[in-house]
Amino acid sequence: MQSTHSVSTQDVSSEGVAADELRQFIERVERLEEEKAAISGDIKEVFAEMKGRGFDVKAVRTILRLRKKDHAERQEEEAILELYQQALGMVV
């Protein structure tokens, strides 16, 4: 059975509004992606500066990761790490 649905003027105009809205969303995302790339570049520069001043960048990244967690989550992670190290005979 073939559909006899025809596109009305109202459908076309509502599609036009949706297309405009979609274009606006896409352009917003594109601008945010550009900002994200710029910020990412800035962060890389800060890490390069830290490294140049003798800081251990890997340790700094670990500290940044830990600071994102709440105290209880950090304590739990540290307790599990200590338990695993003891199980493997590593000095804690």
PDB file of N, CA and C in Angstrom:
ATOM      1  N   MET A   1       0.835  -1.170   0.000  1.00  0.00           N
ATOM      2  CA  MET A   1       0.000   0.000   0.000  1.00  0.00           C
ATOM      3  C   MET A   1       0.887   1.242   0.000  1.00  0.00           C
ATOM      4  N   GLN A   2       0.610   2.173  -0.875  1.00  0.00           N
ATOM      5  CA  GLN A   2       1.417   3.367  -1.039  1.00  0.00           C
ATOM      6  C   GLN A   2       0.812   4.524  -0.271  1.00  0.00           C
ATOM      7  N   SER A   3       1.675   5.291   0.398  1.00  0.00           N
ATOM      8  CA  SER A   3       1.225   6.433   1.183  1.00  0.00           C
ATOM      9  C   SER A   3       0.874   7.584   0.264  1.00  0.00           C
ATOM     10  N   THR A   4      -0.190   8.269   0.606  1.00  0.00           N
ATOM     11  CA  THR A   4      -0.605   9.431  -0.185  1.00  0.00           C
ATOM     12  C   THR A   4      -0.337  10.718   0.577  1.00  0.00           C
ATOM     13  N   HIS A   5       0.577  10.641   1.540  1.00  0.00           N
ATOM     14  CA  HIS A   5       0.907  11.815   2.363  1.00  0.00           C
ATOM     15  C   HIS A   5       1.635  12.840   1.505  1.00  0.00           C
ATOM     16  N   SER A   6       1.134  14.053   1.518  1.00  0.00           N
ATOM     17  CA  SER A   6       1.806  15.130   0.795  1.00  0.00           C
ATOM     18  C   SER A   6       2.364  16.120   1.808  1.00  0.00           C
ATOM     19  N   VAL A   7       3.404  16.816   1.415  1.00  0.00           N
ATOM     20  CA  VAL A   7       4.046  17.788   2.293  1.00  0.00           C
ATOM     21  C   VAL A   7       3.317  19.111   2.162  1.00  0.00           C
ATOM     22  N   SER A   8       2.808  19.596   3.283  1.00  0.00           N
ATOM     23  CA  SER A   8       2.096  20.873   3.265  1.00  0.00           C
ATOM     24  C   SER A   8       3.074  22.014   3.491  1.00  0.00           C
ATOM     25  N   THR A   9       2.604  23.215   3.289  1.00  0.00           N
ATOM     26  CA  THR A   9       3.422  24.397   3.527  1.00  0.00           C
ATOM     27  C   THR A   9       3.825  24.474   4.992  1.00  0.00           C
ATOM     28  N   GLN A  10       2.920  24.062   5.888  1.00  0.00           N
ATOM     29  CA  GLN A  10       3.214  24.094   7.321  1.00  0.00           C
ATOM     30  C   GLN A  10       4.356  23.127   7.644  1.00  0.00           C
ATOM     31  N   ASP A  11       4.367  21.925   7.054  1.00  0.00           N
ATOM     32  CA  ASP A  11       5.452  20.970   7.279  1.00  0.00           C
ATOM     33  C   ASP A  11       6.783  21.552   6.827  1.00  0.00           C
ATOM     34  N   VAL A  12       6.793  22.209   5.685  1.00  0.00           N
ATOM     35  CA  VAL A  12       8.027  22.776   5.159  1.00  0.00           C
ATOM     36  C   VAL A  12       8.530  23.879   6.078  1.00  0.00           C
ATOM     37  N   SER A  13       7.646  24.752   6.552  1.00  0.00           N
ATOM     38  CA  SER A  13       8.098  25.838   7.412  1.00  0.00           C
ATOM     39  C   SER A  13       8.562  25.305   8.763  1.00  0.00           C
ATOM     40  N   SER A  14       7.870  24.275   9.285  1.00  0.00           N
ATOM     41  CA  SER A  14       8.323  23.722  10.557  1.00  0.00           C
ATOM     42  C   SER A  14       9.658  23.011  10.370  1.00  0.00           C
ATOM     43  N   GLU A  15       9.869  22.392   9.215  1.00  0.00           N
ATOM     44  CA  GLU A  15      11.171  21.783   8.926  1.00  0.00           C
ATOM     45  C   GLU A  15      12.239  22.872   8.829  1.00  0.00           C
ATOM     46  N   GLY A  16      11.874  24.019   8.259  1.00  0.00           N
ATOM     47  CA  GLY A  16      12.812  25.132   8.169  1.00  0.00           C
ATOM     48  C   GLY A  16      13.214  25.631   9.539  1.00  0.00           C
ATOM     49  N   VAL A  17      12.282  25.734  10.455  1.00  0.00           N
ATOM     50  CA  VAL A  17      12.578  26.173  11.817  1.00  0.00           C
ATOM     51  C   VAL A  17      13.474  25.132  12.486  1.00  0.00           C
ATOM     52  N   ALA A  18      13.158  23.845  12.312  1.00  0.00           N
ATOM     53  CA  ALA A  18      13.974  22.789  12.893  1.00  0.00           C
ATOM     54  C   ALA A  18      15.381  22.824  12.314  1.00  0.00           C
ATOM     55  N   ALA A  19      15.499  23.086  11.028  1.00  0.00           N
ATOM     56  CA  ALA A  19      16.817  23.160  10.392  1.00  0.00           C
ATOM     57  C   ALA A  19      17.613  24.333  10.965  1.00  0.00           C
ATOM     58  N   ASP A  20      16.952  25.473  11.161  1.00  0.00           N
ATOM     59  CA  ASP A  20      17.627  26.630  11.745  1.00  0.00           C
ATOM     60  C   ASP A  20      18.078  26.326  13.169  1.00  0.00           C
ATOM     61  N   GLU A  21      17.191  25.670  13.932  1.00  0.00           N
ATOM     62  CA  GLU A  21      17.532  25.323  15.313  1.00  0.00           C
ATOM     63  C   GLU A  21      18.696  24.338  15.334  1.00  0.00           C
ATOM     64  N   LEU A  22      18.660  23.353  14.450  1.00  0.00           N
ATOM     65  CA  LEU A  22      19.736  22.372  14.359  1.00  0.00           C
ATOM     66  C   LEU A  22      21.052  23.053  14.006  1.00  0.00           C
ATOM     67  N   ARG A  23      21.013  23.970  13.044  1.00  0.00           N
ATOM     68  CA  ARG A  23      22.211  24.699  12.638  1.00  0.00           C
ATOM     69  C   ARG A  23      22.784  25.484  13.816  1.00  0.00           C
ATOM     70  N   GLN A  24      21.914  26.109  14.621  1.00  0.00           N
ATOM     71  CA  GLN A  24      22.368  26.856  15.789  1.00  0.00           C
ATOM     72  C   GLN A  24      23.052  25.936  16.800  1.00  0.00           C
ATOM     73  N   PHE A  25      22.458  24.764  17.041  1.00  0.00           N
ATOM     74  CA  PHE A  25      23.078  23.811  17.956  1.00  0.00           C
ATOM     75  C   PHE A  25      24.450  23.371  17.451  1.00  0.00           C
ATOM     76  N   ILE A  26      24.521  23.066  16.163  1.00  0.00           N
ATOM     77  CA  ILE A  26      25.784  22.625  15.580  1.00  0.00           C
ATOM     78  C   ILE A  26      26.835  23.712  15.688  1.00  0.00           C
ATOM     79  N   GLU A  27      26.466  24.942  15.401  1.00  0.00           N
ATOM     80  CA  GLU A  27      27.417  26.050  15.491  1.00  0.00           C
ATOM     81  C   GLU A  27      27.879  26.280  16.924  1.00  0.00           C
ATOM     82  N   ARG A  28      26.965  26.100  17.894  1.00  0.00           N
ATOM     83  CA  ARG A  28      27.361  26.219  19.304  1.00  0.00           C
ATOM     84  C   ARG A  28      28.385  25.155  19.671  1.00  0.00           C
ATOM     85  N   VAL A  29      28.118  23.919  19.236  1.00  0.00           N
ATOM     86  CA  VAL A  29      29.050  22.826  19.529  1.00  0.00           C
ATOM     87  C   VAL A  29      30.396  23.104  18.863  1.00  0.00           C
ATOM     88  N   GLU A  30      30.373  23.587  17.624  1.00  0.00           N
ATOM     89  CA  GLU A  30      31.628  23.903  16.939  1.00  0.00           C
ATOM     90  C   GLU A  30      32.428  24.960  17.692  1.00  0.00           C
ATOM     91  N   ARG A  31      31.753  26.006  18.179  1.00  0.00           N
ATOM     92  CA  ARG A  31      32.448  27.043  18.949  1.00  0.00           C
ATOM     93  C   ARG A  31      33.024  26.468  20.242  1.00  0.00           C
ATOM     94  N   LEU A  32      32.252  25.627  20.913  1.00  0.00           N
ATOM     95  CA  LEU A  32      32.731  25.014  22.151  1.00  0.00           C
ATOM     96  C   LEU A  32      33.918  24.089  21.889  1.00  0.00           C
ATOM     97  N   GLU A  33      33.879  23.364  20.772  1.00  0.00           N
ATOM     98  CA  GLU A  33      35.005  22.498  20.405  1.00  0.00           C
ATOM     99  C   GLU A  33      36.268  23.332  20.172  1.00  0.00           C
ATOM    100  N   GLU A  34      36.114  24.492  19.541  1.00  0.00           N
ATOM    101  CA  GLU A  34      37.255  25.386  19.329  1.00  0.00           C
ATOM    102  C   GLU A  34      37.813  25.873  20.665  1.00  0.00           C
ATOM    103  N   GLU A  35      36.904  26.248  21.575  1.00  0.00           N
ATOM    104  CA  GLU A  35      37.338  26.699  22.899  1.00  0.00           C
ATOM    105  C   GLU A  35      38.035  25.567  23.649  1.00  0.00           C
ATOM    106  N   LYS A  36      37.487  24.360  23.533  1.00  0.00           N
ATOM    107  CA  LYS A  36      38.074  23.200  24.202  1.00  0.00           C
ATOM    108  C   LYS A  36      39.481  22.936  23.671  1.00  0.00           C
ATOM    109  N   ALA A  37      39.664  23.066  22.370  1.00  0.00           N
ATOM    110  CA  ALA A  37      40.989  22.862  21.780  1.00  0.00           C
ATOM    111  C   ALA A  37      41.971  23.912  22.287  1.00  0.00           C
ATOM    112  N   ALA A  38      41.517  25.158  22.399  1.00  0.00           N
ATOM    113  CA  ALA A  38      42.378  26.223  22.902  1.00  0.00           C
ATOM    114  C   ALA A  38      42.752  25.972  24.361  1.00  0.00           C
ATOM    115  N   ILE A  39      41.777  25.568  25.158  1.00  0.00           N
ATOM    116  CA  ILE A  39      42.041  25.287  26.572  1.00  0.00           C
ATOM    117  C   ILE A  39      42.976  24.096  26.703  1.00  0.00           C
ATOM    118  N   SER A  40      42.775  23.086  25.891  1.00  0.00           N
ATOM    119  CA  SER A  40      43.654  21.911  25.913  1.00  0.00           C
ATOM    120  C   SER A  40      45.091  22.315  25.603  1.00  0.00           C
ATOM    121  N   GLY A  41      45.260  23.215  24.654  1.00  0.00           N
ATOM    122  CA  GLY A  41      46.589  23.727  24.333  1.00  0.00           C
ATOM    123  C   GLY A  41      47.199  24.478  25.498  1.00  0.00           C
ATOM    124  N   ASP A  42      46.372  25.266  26.188  1.00  0.00           N
ATOM    125  CA  ASP A  42      46.847  26.002  27.361  1.00  0.00           C
ATOM    126  C   ASP A  42      47.298  25.047  28.457  1.00  0.00           C
ATOM    127  N   ILE A  43      46.536  23.978  28.671  1.00  0.00           N
ATOM    128  CA  ILE A  43      46.887  22.992  29.698  1.00  0.00           C
ATOM    129  C   ILE A  43      48.205  22.312  29.344  1.00  0.00           C
ATOM    130  N   LYS A  44      48.386  21.974  28.080  1.00  0.00           N
ATOM    131  CA  LYS A  44      49.646  21.358  27.651  1.00  0.00           C
ATOM    132  C   LYS A  44      50.828  22.290  27.924  1.00  0.00           C
ATOM    133  N   GLU A  45      50.619  23.580  27.699  1.00  0.00           N
ATOM    134  CA  GLU A  45      51.684  24.559  27.963  1.00  0.00           C
ATOM    135  C   GLU A  45      52.039  24.608  29.450  1.00  0.00           C
ATOM    136  N   VAL A  46      51.021  24.533  30.315  1.00  0.00           N
ATOM    137  CA  VAL A  46      51.268  24.557  31.759  1.00  0.00           C
ATOM    138  C   VAL A  46      52.059  23.322  32.170  1.00  0.00           C
ATOM    139  N   PHE A  47      51.684  22.149  31.633  1.00  0.00           N
ATOM    140  CA  PHE A  47      52.427  20.933  31.953  1.00  0.00           C
ATOM    141  C   PHE A  47      53.862  21.009  31.432  1.00  0.00           C
ATOM    142  N   ALA A  48      54.057  21.585  30.266  1.00  0.00           N
ATOM    143  CA  ALA A  48      55.407  21.740  29.730  1.00  0.00           C
ATOM    144  C   ALA A  48      56.229  22.677  30.617  1.00  0.00           C
ATOM    145  N   GLU A  49      55.603  23.735  31.098  1.00  0.00           N
ATOM    146  CA  GLU A  49      56.288  24.665  31.998  1.00  0.00           C
ATOM    147  C   GLU A  49      56.654  23.967  33.313  1.00  0.00           C
ATOM    148  N   MET A  50      55.712  23.184  33.857  1.00  0.00           N
ATOM    149  CA  MET A  50      56.004  22.437  35.089  1.00  0.00           C
ATOM    150  C   MET A  50      57.186  21.495  34.880  1.00  0.00           C
ATOM    151  N   LYS A  51      57.158  20.776  33.767  1.00  0.00           N
ATOM    152  CA  LYS A  51      58.238  19.835  33.472  1.00  0.00           C
ATOM    153  C   LYS A  51      59.562  20.575  33.348  1.00  0.00           C
ATOM    154  N   GLY A  52      59.531  21.726  32.699  1.00  0.00           N
ATOM    155  CA  GLY A  52      60.727  22.541  32.544  1.00  0.00           C
ATOM    156  C   GLY A  52      61.290  23.041  33.861  1.00  0.00           C
ATOM    157  N   ARG A  53      60.438  23.161  34.857  1.00  0.00           N
ATOM    158  CA  ARG A  53      60.877  23.618  36.181  1.00  0.00           C
ATOM    159  C   ARG A  53      61.211  22.460  37.105  1.00  0.00           C
ATOM    160  N   GLY A  54      61.189  21.240  36.552  1.00  0.00           N
ATOM    161  CA  GLY A  54      61.631  20.085  37.317  1.00  0.00           C
ATOM    162  C   GLY A  54      60.555  19.303  38.045  1.00  0.00           C
ATOM    163  N   PHE A  55      59.293  19.648  37.848  1.00  0.00           N
ATOM    164  CA  PHE A  55      58.217  18.898  38.496  1.00  0.00           C
ATOM    165  C   PHE A  55      57.951  17.605  37.736  1.00  0.00           C
ATOM    166  N   ASP A  56      57.558  16.559  38.470  1.00  0.00           N
ATOM    167  CA  ASP A  56      57.201  15.277  37.874  1.00  0.00           C
ATOM    168  C   ASP A  56      55.755  15.385  37.395  1.00  0.00           C
ATOM    169  N   VAL A  57      55.572  15.483  36.096  1.00  0.00           N
ATOM    170  CA  VAL A  57      54.255  15.716  35.511  1.00  0.00           C
ATOM    171  C   VAL A  57      53.319  14.536  35.779  1.00  0.00           C
ATOM    172  N   LYS A  58      53.852  13.324  35.768  1.00  0.00           N
ATOM    173  CA  LYS A  58      53.019  12.148  36.035  1.00  0.00           C
ATOM    174  C   LYS A  58      52.442  12.225  37.447  1.00  0.00           C
ATOM    175  N   ALA A  59      53.255  12.632  38.417  1.00  0.00           N
ATOM    176  CA  ALA A  59      52.783  12.776  39.795  1.00  0.00           C
ATOM    177  C   ALA A  59      51.730  13.882  39.889  1.00  0.00           C
ATOM    178  N   VAL A  60      51.947  14.972  39.177  1.00  0.00           N
ATOM    179  CA  VAL A  60      50.979  16.078  39.191  1.00  0.00           C
ATOM    180  C   VAL A  60      49.651  15.618  38.598  1.00  0.00           C
ATOM    181  N   ARG A  61      49.690  14.857  37.527  1.00  0.00           N
ATOM    182  CA  ARG A  61      48.457  14.326  36.925  1.00  0.00           C
ATOM    183  C   ARG A  61      47.721  13.426  37.915  1.00  0.00           C
ATOM    184  N   THR A  62      48.471  12.631  38.670  1.00  0.00           N
ATOM    185  CA  THR A  62      47.863  11.763  39.680  1.00  0.00           C
ATOM    186  C   THR A  62      47.198  12.601  40.760  1.00  0.00           C
ATOM    187  N   ILE A  63      47.860  13.643  41.204  1.00  0.00           N
ATOM    188  CA  ILE A  63      47.284  14.531  42.216  1.00  0.00           C
ATOM    189  C   ILE A  63      46.007  15.180  41.687  1.00  0.00           C
ATOM    190  N   LEU A  64      46.027  15.644  40.457  1.00  0.00           N
ATOM    191  CA  LEU A  64      44.838  16.256  39.869  1.00  0.00           C
ATOM    192  C   LEU A  64      43.677  15.254  39.828  1.00  0.00           C
ATOM    193  N   ARG A  65      43.977  14.014  39.445  1.00  0.00           N
ATOM    194  CA  ARG A  65      42.948  12.972  39.382  1.00  0.00           C
ATOM    195  C   ARG A  65      42.377  12.708  40.780  1.00  0.00           C
ATOM    196  N   LEU A  66      43.256  12.646  41.785  1.00  0.00           N
ATOM    197  CA  LEU A  66      42.804  12.385  43.149  1.00  0.00           C
ATOM    198  C   LEU A  66      41.981  13.547  43.711  1.00  0.00           C
ATOM    199  N   ARG A  67      42.353  14.766  43.377  1.00  0.00           N
ATOM    200  CA  ARG A  67      41.638  15.940  43.894  1.00  0.00           C
ATOM    201  C   ARG A  67      40.208  16.024  43.366  1.00  0.00           C
ATOM    202  N   LYS A  68      39.924  15.353  42.254  1.00  0.00           N
ATOM    203  CA  LYS A  68      38.569  15.341  41.698  1.00  0.00           C
ATOM    204  C   LYS A  68      37.639  14.439  42.509  1.00  0.00           C
ATOM    205  N   LYS A  69      38.230  13.529  43.310  1.00  0.00           N
ATOM    206  CA  LYS A  69      37.436  12.583  44.089  1.00  0.00           C
ATOM    207  C   LYS A  69      37.187  13.138  45.484  1.00  0.00           C
ATOM    208  N   ASP A  70      36.088  12.692  46.086  1.00  0.00           N
ATOM    209  CA  ASP A  70      35.854  13.120  47.468  1.00  0.00           C
ATOM    210  C   ASP A  70      36.733  12.309  48.412  1.00  0.00           C
ATOM    211  N   HIS A  71      36.813  12.764  49.645  1.00  0.00           N
ATOM    212  CA  HIS A  71      37.724  12.181  50.632  1.00  0.00           C
ATOM    213  C   HIS A  71      37.468  10.683  50.827  1.00  0.00           C
ATOM    214  N   ALA A  72      36.206  10.285  50.970  1.00  0.00           N
ATOM    215  CA  ALA A  72      35.865   8.873  51.209  1.00  0.00           C
ATOM    216  C   ALA A  72      36.288   8.002  50.031  1.00  0.00           C
ATOM    217  N   GLU A  73      36.085   8.495  48.825  1.00  0.00           N
ATOM    218  CA  GLU A  73      36.464   7.740  47.631  1.00  0.00           C
ATOM    219  C   GLU A  73      37.983   7.564  47.565  1.00  0.00           C
ATOM    220  N   ARG A  74      38.715   8.628  47.920  1.00  0.00           N
ATOM    221  CA  ARG A  74      40.187   8.540  47.942  1.00  0.00           C
ATOM    222  C   ARG A  74      40.655   7.545  48.990  1.00  0.00           C
ATOM    223  N   GLN A  75      40.042   7.590  50.186  1.00  0.00           N
ATOM    224  CA  GLN A  75      40.426   6.667  51.246  1.00  0.00           C
ATOM    225  C   GLN A  75      40.193   5.220  50.833  1.00  0.00           C
ATOM    226  N   GLU A  76      39.055   4.967  50.198  1.00  0.00           N
ATOM    227  CA  GLU A  76      38.740   3.615  49.753  1.00  0.00           C
ATOM    228  C   GLU A  76      39.764   3.141  48.717  1.00  0.00           C
ATOM    229  N   GLU A  77      40.084   4.006  47.769  1.00  0.00           N
ATOM    230  CA  GLU A  77      41.060   3.657  46.740  1.00  0.00           C
ATOM    231  C   GLU A  77      42.427   3.362  47.365  1.00  0.00           C
ATOM    232  N   GLU A  78      42.843   4.200  48.314  1.00  0.00           N
ATOM    233  CA  GLU A  78      44.135   4.005  48.972  1.00  0.00           C
ATOM    234  C   GLU A  78      44.162   2.713  49.778  1.00  0.00           C
ATOM    235  N   ALA A  79      43.036   2.380  50.457  1.00  0.00           N
ATOM    236  CA  ALA A  79      42.962   1.150  51.249  1.00  0.00           C
ATOM    237  C   ALA A  79      43.066  -0.078  50.347  1.00  0.00           C
ATOM    238  N   ILE A  80      42.391  -0.058  49.225  1.00  0.00           N
ATOM    239  CA  ILE A  80      42.447  -1.179  48.281  1.00  0.00           C
ATOM    240  C   ILE A  80      43.851  -1.311  47.707  1.00  0.00           C
ATOM    241  N   LEU A  81      44.458  -0.192  47.347  1.00  0.00           N
ATOM    242  CA  LEU A  81      45.818  -0.207  46.813  1.00  0.00           C
ATOM    243  C   LEU A  81      46.786  -0.798  47.839  1.00  0.00           C
ATOM    244  N   GLU A  82      46.664  -0.374  49.105  1.00  0.00           N
ATOM    245  CA  GLU A  82      47.530  -0.892  50.169  1.00  0.00           C
ATOM    246  C   GLU A  82      47.319  -2.391  50.356  1.00  0.00           C
ATOM    247  N   LEU A  83      46.072  -2.832  50.344  1.00  0.00           N
ATOM    248  CA  LEU A  83      45.751  -4.252  50.483  1.00  0.00           C
ATOM    249  C   LEU A  83      46.389  -5.066  49.364  1.00  0.00           C
ATOM    250  N   TYR A  84      46.257  -4.594  48.137  1.00  0.00           N
ATOM    251  CA  TYR A  84      46.837  -5.302  46.983  1.00  0.00           C
ATOM    252  C   TYR A  84      48.355  -5.333  47.074  1.00  0.00           C
ATOM    253  N   GLN A  85      48.959  -4.219  47.484  1.00  0.00           N
ATOM    254  CA  GLN A  85      50.411  -4.184  47.613  1.00  0.00           C
ATOM    255  C   GLN A  85      50.889  -5.173  48.676  1.00  0.00           C
ATOM    256  N   GLN A  86      50.171  -5.252  49.791  1.00  0.00           N
ATOM    257  CA  GLN A  86      50.531  -6.210  50.839  1.00  0.00           C
ATOM    258  C   GLN A  86      50.389  -7.647  50.331  1.00  0.00           C
ATOM    259  N   ALA A  87      49.316  -7.902  49.580  1.00  0.00           N
ATOM    260  CA  ALA A  87      49.099  -9.242  49.033  1.00  0.00           C
ATOM    261  C   ALA A  87      50.216  -9.659  48.088  1.00  0.00           C
ATOM    262  N   LEU A  88      50.809  -8.699  47.430  1.00  0.00           N
ATOM    263  CA  LEU A  88      51.888  -8.979  46.475  1.00  0.00           C
ATOM    264  C   LEU A  88      53.257  -8.889  47.119  1.00  0.00           C
ATOM    265  N   GLY A  89      53.310  -8.626  48.441  1.00  0.00           N
ATOM    266  CA  GLY A  89      54.583  -8.555  49.143  1.00  0.00           C
ATOM    267  C   GLY A  89      55.366  -7.294  48.853  1.00  0.00           C
ATOM    268  N   MET A  90      54.677  -6.267  48.412  1.00  0.00           N
ATOM    269  CA  MET A  90      55.344  -4.994  48.128  1.00  0.00           C
ATOM    270  C   MET A  90      55.419  -4.175  49.412  1.00  0.00           C
ATOM    271  N   VAL A  91      56.493  -3.425  49.597  1.00  0.00           N
ATOM    272  CA  VAL A  91      56.652  -2.598  50.786  1.00  0.00           C
ATOM    273  C   VAL A  91      55.674  -1.426  50.699  1.00  0.00           C
ATOM    274  N   VAL A  92      54.963  -1.208  51.773  1.00  0.00           N
ATOM    275  CA  VAL A  92      53.967  -0.114  51.797  1.00  0.00           C
ATOM    276  C   VAL A  92      54.441   0.984  52.699  1.00  0.00           C
TER     277      VAL A  92
END
